[in-house]
């Protein structure tokens, strides 16, 4: 009448898989946000380099 060991193991595995999926989505979204932030910084640096090159060409 007690809890079957197989049921307990199954529940534990499903709980771990659920937590794993939640963490995977969290880290995926976090990496996407970090990548977009890096590309913005890269664009700003490239704009600065272009400005300096144009300024250099005018002189």
N, C-alpha and C. Protein backbone atom coordinates (compact mmCIF):
# COMPACT_ATOMS: atom_id res chain seq x y z
N UNK A 1 0.81 -1.21 0.00
CA UNK A 1 0.00 0.00 0.00
C UNK A 1 0.85 1.27 0.00
N UNK A 2 2.14 1.15 0.24
CA UNK A 2 3.01 2.31 0.29
C UNK A 2 3.35 2.81 -1.11
N UNK A 3 4.18 3.80 -1.15
CA UNK A 3 4.62 4.37 -2.43
C UNK A 3 5.61 3.40 -3.07
N UNK A 4 5.37 3.14 -4.33
CA UNK A 4 6.27 2.26 -5.08
C UNK A 4 7.58 3.01 -5.37
N UNK A 5 8.71 2.32 -5.23
CA UNK A 5 10.02 2.94 -5.47
C UNK A 5 10.14 3.42 -6.92
N UNK A 6 9.62 2.66 -7.86
CA UNK A 6 9.65 3.05 -9.27
C UNK A 6 8.92 4.36 -9.51
N UNK A 7 7.77 4.53 -8.86
CA UNK A 7 7.01 5.78 -9.00
C UNK A 7 7.81 6.95 -8.44
N UNK A 8 8.46 6.72 -7.31
CA UNK A 8 9.25 7.77 -6.67
C UNK A 8 10.41 8.19 -7.57
N UNK A 9 11.11 7.22 -8.15
CA UNK A 9 12.24 7.51 -9.05
C UNK A 9 11.74 8.26 -10.28
N UNK A 10 10.60 7.83 -10.83
CA UNK A 10 10.03 8.49 -12.01
C UNK A 10 9.69 9.95 -11.70
N UNK A 11 9.07 10.19 -10.55
CA UNK A 11 8.72 11.56 -10.17
C UNK A 11 9.97 12.42 -10.00
N UNK A 12 11.00 11.85 -9.40
CA UNK A 12 12.25 12.58 -9.20
C UNK A 12 12.90 12.94 -10.54
N UNK A 13 12.94 11.98 -11.46
CA UNK A 13 13.52 12.24 -12.78
C UNK A 13 12.74 13.32 -13.53
N UNK A 14 11.41 13.24 -13.48
CA UNK A 14 10.59 14.25 -14.16
C UNK A 14 10.79 15.64 -13.55
N UNK A 15 10.92 15.69 -12.23
CA UNK A 15 11.15 16.97 -11.56
C UNK A 15 12.49 17.56 -11.98
N UNK A 16 13.53 16.74 -12.06
CA UNK A 16 14.85 17.19 -12.48
C UNK A 16 14.82 17.66 -13.93
N UNK A 17 14.11 16.93 -14.80
CA UNK A 17 13.99 17.35 -16.20
C UNK A 17 13.27 18.69 -16.33
N UNK A 18 12.21 18.86 -15.53
CA UNK A 18 11.47 20.13 -15.56
C UNK A 18 12.37 21.28 -15.13
N UNK A 19 13.10 21.10 -14.05
CA UNK A 19 14.03 22.15 -13.61
C UNK A 19 15.10 22.41 -14.66
N UNK A 20 15.59 21.35 -15.29
CA UNK A 20 16.60 21.51 -16.34
C UNK A 20 16.08 22.33 -17.50
N UNK A 21 14.84 22.11 -17.90
CA UNK A 21 14.27 22.88 -19.01
C UNK A 21 14.11 24.35 -18.62
N UNK A 22 13.69 24.60 -17.40
CA UNK A 22 13.53 25.99 -16.95
C UNK A 22 14.88 26.70 -16.96
N UNK A 23 15.92 26.04 -16.44
CA UNK A 23 17.25 26.65 -16.45
C UNK A 23 17.77 26.84 -17.88
N UNK A 24 17.49 25.89 -18.76
CA UNK A 24 17.95 26.01 -20.15
C UNK A 24 17.33 27.23 -20.81
N UNK A 25 16.04 27.43 -20.63
CA UNK A 25 15.37 28.60 -21.22
C UNK A 25 15.93 29.88 -20.63
N UNK A 26 16.14 29.89 -19.31
CA UNK A 26 16.67 31.08 -18.65
C UNK A 26 18.04 31.45 -19.20
N UNK A 27 18.95 30.47 -19.30
CA UNK A 27 20.29 30.76 -19.79
C UNK A 27 20.30 31.10 -21.28
N UNK A 28 19.38 30.51 -22.05
CA UNK A 28 19.27 30.83 -23.47
C UNK A 28 18.86 32.29 -23.66
N UNK A 29 17.84 32.73 -22.94
CA UNK A 29 17.38 34.11 -23.05
C UNK A 29 18.48 35.06 -22.58
N UNK A 30 19.16 34.70 -21.49
CA UNK A 30 20.23 35.53 -20.97
C UNK A 30 21.37 35.69 -21.98
N UNK A 31 21.70 34.60 -22.67
CA UNK A 31 22.79 34.68 -23.66
C UNK A 31 22.36 35.51 -24.86
N UNK A 32 21.08 35.41 -25.25
CA UNK A 32 20.60 36.25 -26.36
C UNK A 32 20.67 37.72 -26.01
N UNK A 33 20.28 38.06 -24.78
CA UNK A 33 20.34 39.46 -24.37
C UNK A 33 21.78 39.95 -24.31
N UNK A 34 22.68 39.12 -23.83
CA UNK A 34 24.09 39.51 -23.75
C UNK A 34 24.66 39.69 -25.16
N UNK A 35 24.28 38.82 -26.09
CA UNK A 35 24.79 38.91 -27.46
C UNK A 35 24.31 40.20 -28.12
N UNK A 36 23.04 40.56 -27.93
CA UNK A 36 22.53 41.79 -28.55
C UNK A 36 23.21 43.00 -27.93
N UNK A 37 23.52 42.94 -26.65
CA UNK A 37 24.22 44.04 -25.98
C UNK A 37 25.63 44.17 -26.54
N UNK A 38 26.30 43.05 -26.78
CA UNK A 38 27.65 43.08 -27.35
C UNK A 38 27.64 43.65 -28.76
N UNK A 39 26.63 43.30 -29.54
CA UNK A 39 26.58 43.80 -30.91
C UNK A 39 26.35 45.32 -30.92
N UNK A 40 25.58 45.81 -29.96
CA UNK A 40 25.38 47.26 -29.86
C UNK A 40 26.69 47.97 -29.56
N UNK A 41 27.46 47.40 -28.64
CA UNK A 41 28.76 48.00 -28.31
C UNK A 41 29.69 47.95 -29.51
N UNK A 42 29.64 46.84 -30.24
CA UNK A 42 30.50 46.69 -31.42
C UNK A 42 30.12 47.74 -32.47
N UNK A 43 28.83 47.96 -32.67
CA UNK A 43 28.39 48.96 -33.63
C UNK A 43 28.87 50.35 -33.24
N UNK A 44 28.81 50.66 -31.94
CA UNK A 44 29.28 51.96 -31.48
C UNK A 44 30.77 52.13 -31.73
N UNK A 45 31.53 51.08 -31.49
CA UNK A 45 32.98 51.15 -31.73
C UNK A 45 33.27 51.33 -33.22
N UNK A 46 32.54 50.60 -34.07
CA UNK A 46 32.75 50.74 -35.51
C UNK A 46 32.38 52.14 -35.99
N UNK A 47 31.30 52.69 -35.45
CA UNK A 47 30.92 54.06 -35.81
C UNK A 47 32.02 55.04 -35.43
N UNK A 48 32.60 54.83 -34.27
CA UNK A 48 33.69 55.71 -33.81
C UNK A 48 34.91 55.60 -34.74
N UNK A 49 35.25 54.38 -35.14
CA UNK A 49 36.38 54.18 -36.05
C UNK A 49 36.11 54.86 -37.39
N UNK A 50 34.89 54.74 -37.89
CA UNK A 50 34.54 55.37 -39.17
C UNK A 50 34.65 56.89 -39.05
N UNK A 51 34.16 57.44 -37.93
CA UNK A 51 34.28 58.89 -37.72
C UNK A 51 35.73 59.33 -37.73
N UNK A 52 36.58 58.58 -37.04
CA UNK A 52 38.00 58.94 -36.98
C UNK A 52 38.64 58.84 -38.35
N UNK A 53 38.28 57.82 -39.13
CA UNK A 53 38.84 57.68 -40.47
C UNK A 53 38.41 58.82 -41.38
N UNK A 54 37.14 59.20 -41.28
CA UNK A 54 36.64 60.31 -42.11
C UNK A 54 37.31 61.62 -41.70
N UNK A 55 37.48 61.80 -40.42
CA UNK A 55 38.15 63.02 -39.92
C UNK A 55 39.61 63.05 -40.41
N UNK A 56 40.26 61.90 -40.38
CA UNK A 56 41.64 61.78 -40.83
C UNK A 56 41.74 62.07 -42.34
N UNK A 57 40.75 61.60 -43.08
CA UNK A 57 40.77 61.78 -44.55
C UNK A 57 40.60 63.26 -44.91
N UNK A 58 39.80 64.00 -44.13
CA UNK A 58 39.55 65.41 -44.40
C UNK A 58 40.77 66.28 -44.14
N UNK A 59 41.60 65.87 -43.23
CA UNK A 59 42.74 66.72 -42.85
C UNK A 59 43.87 66.67 -43.82
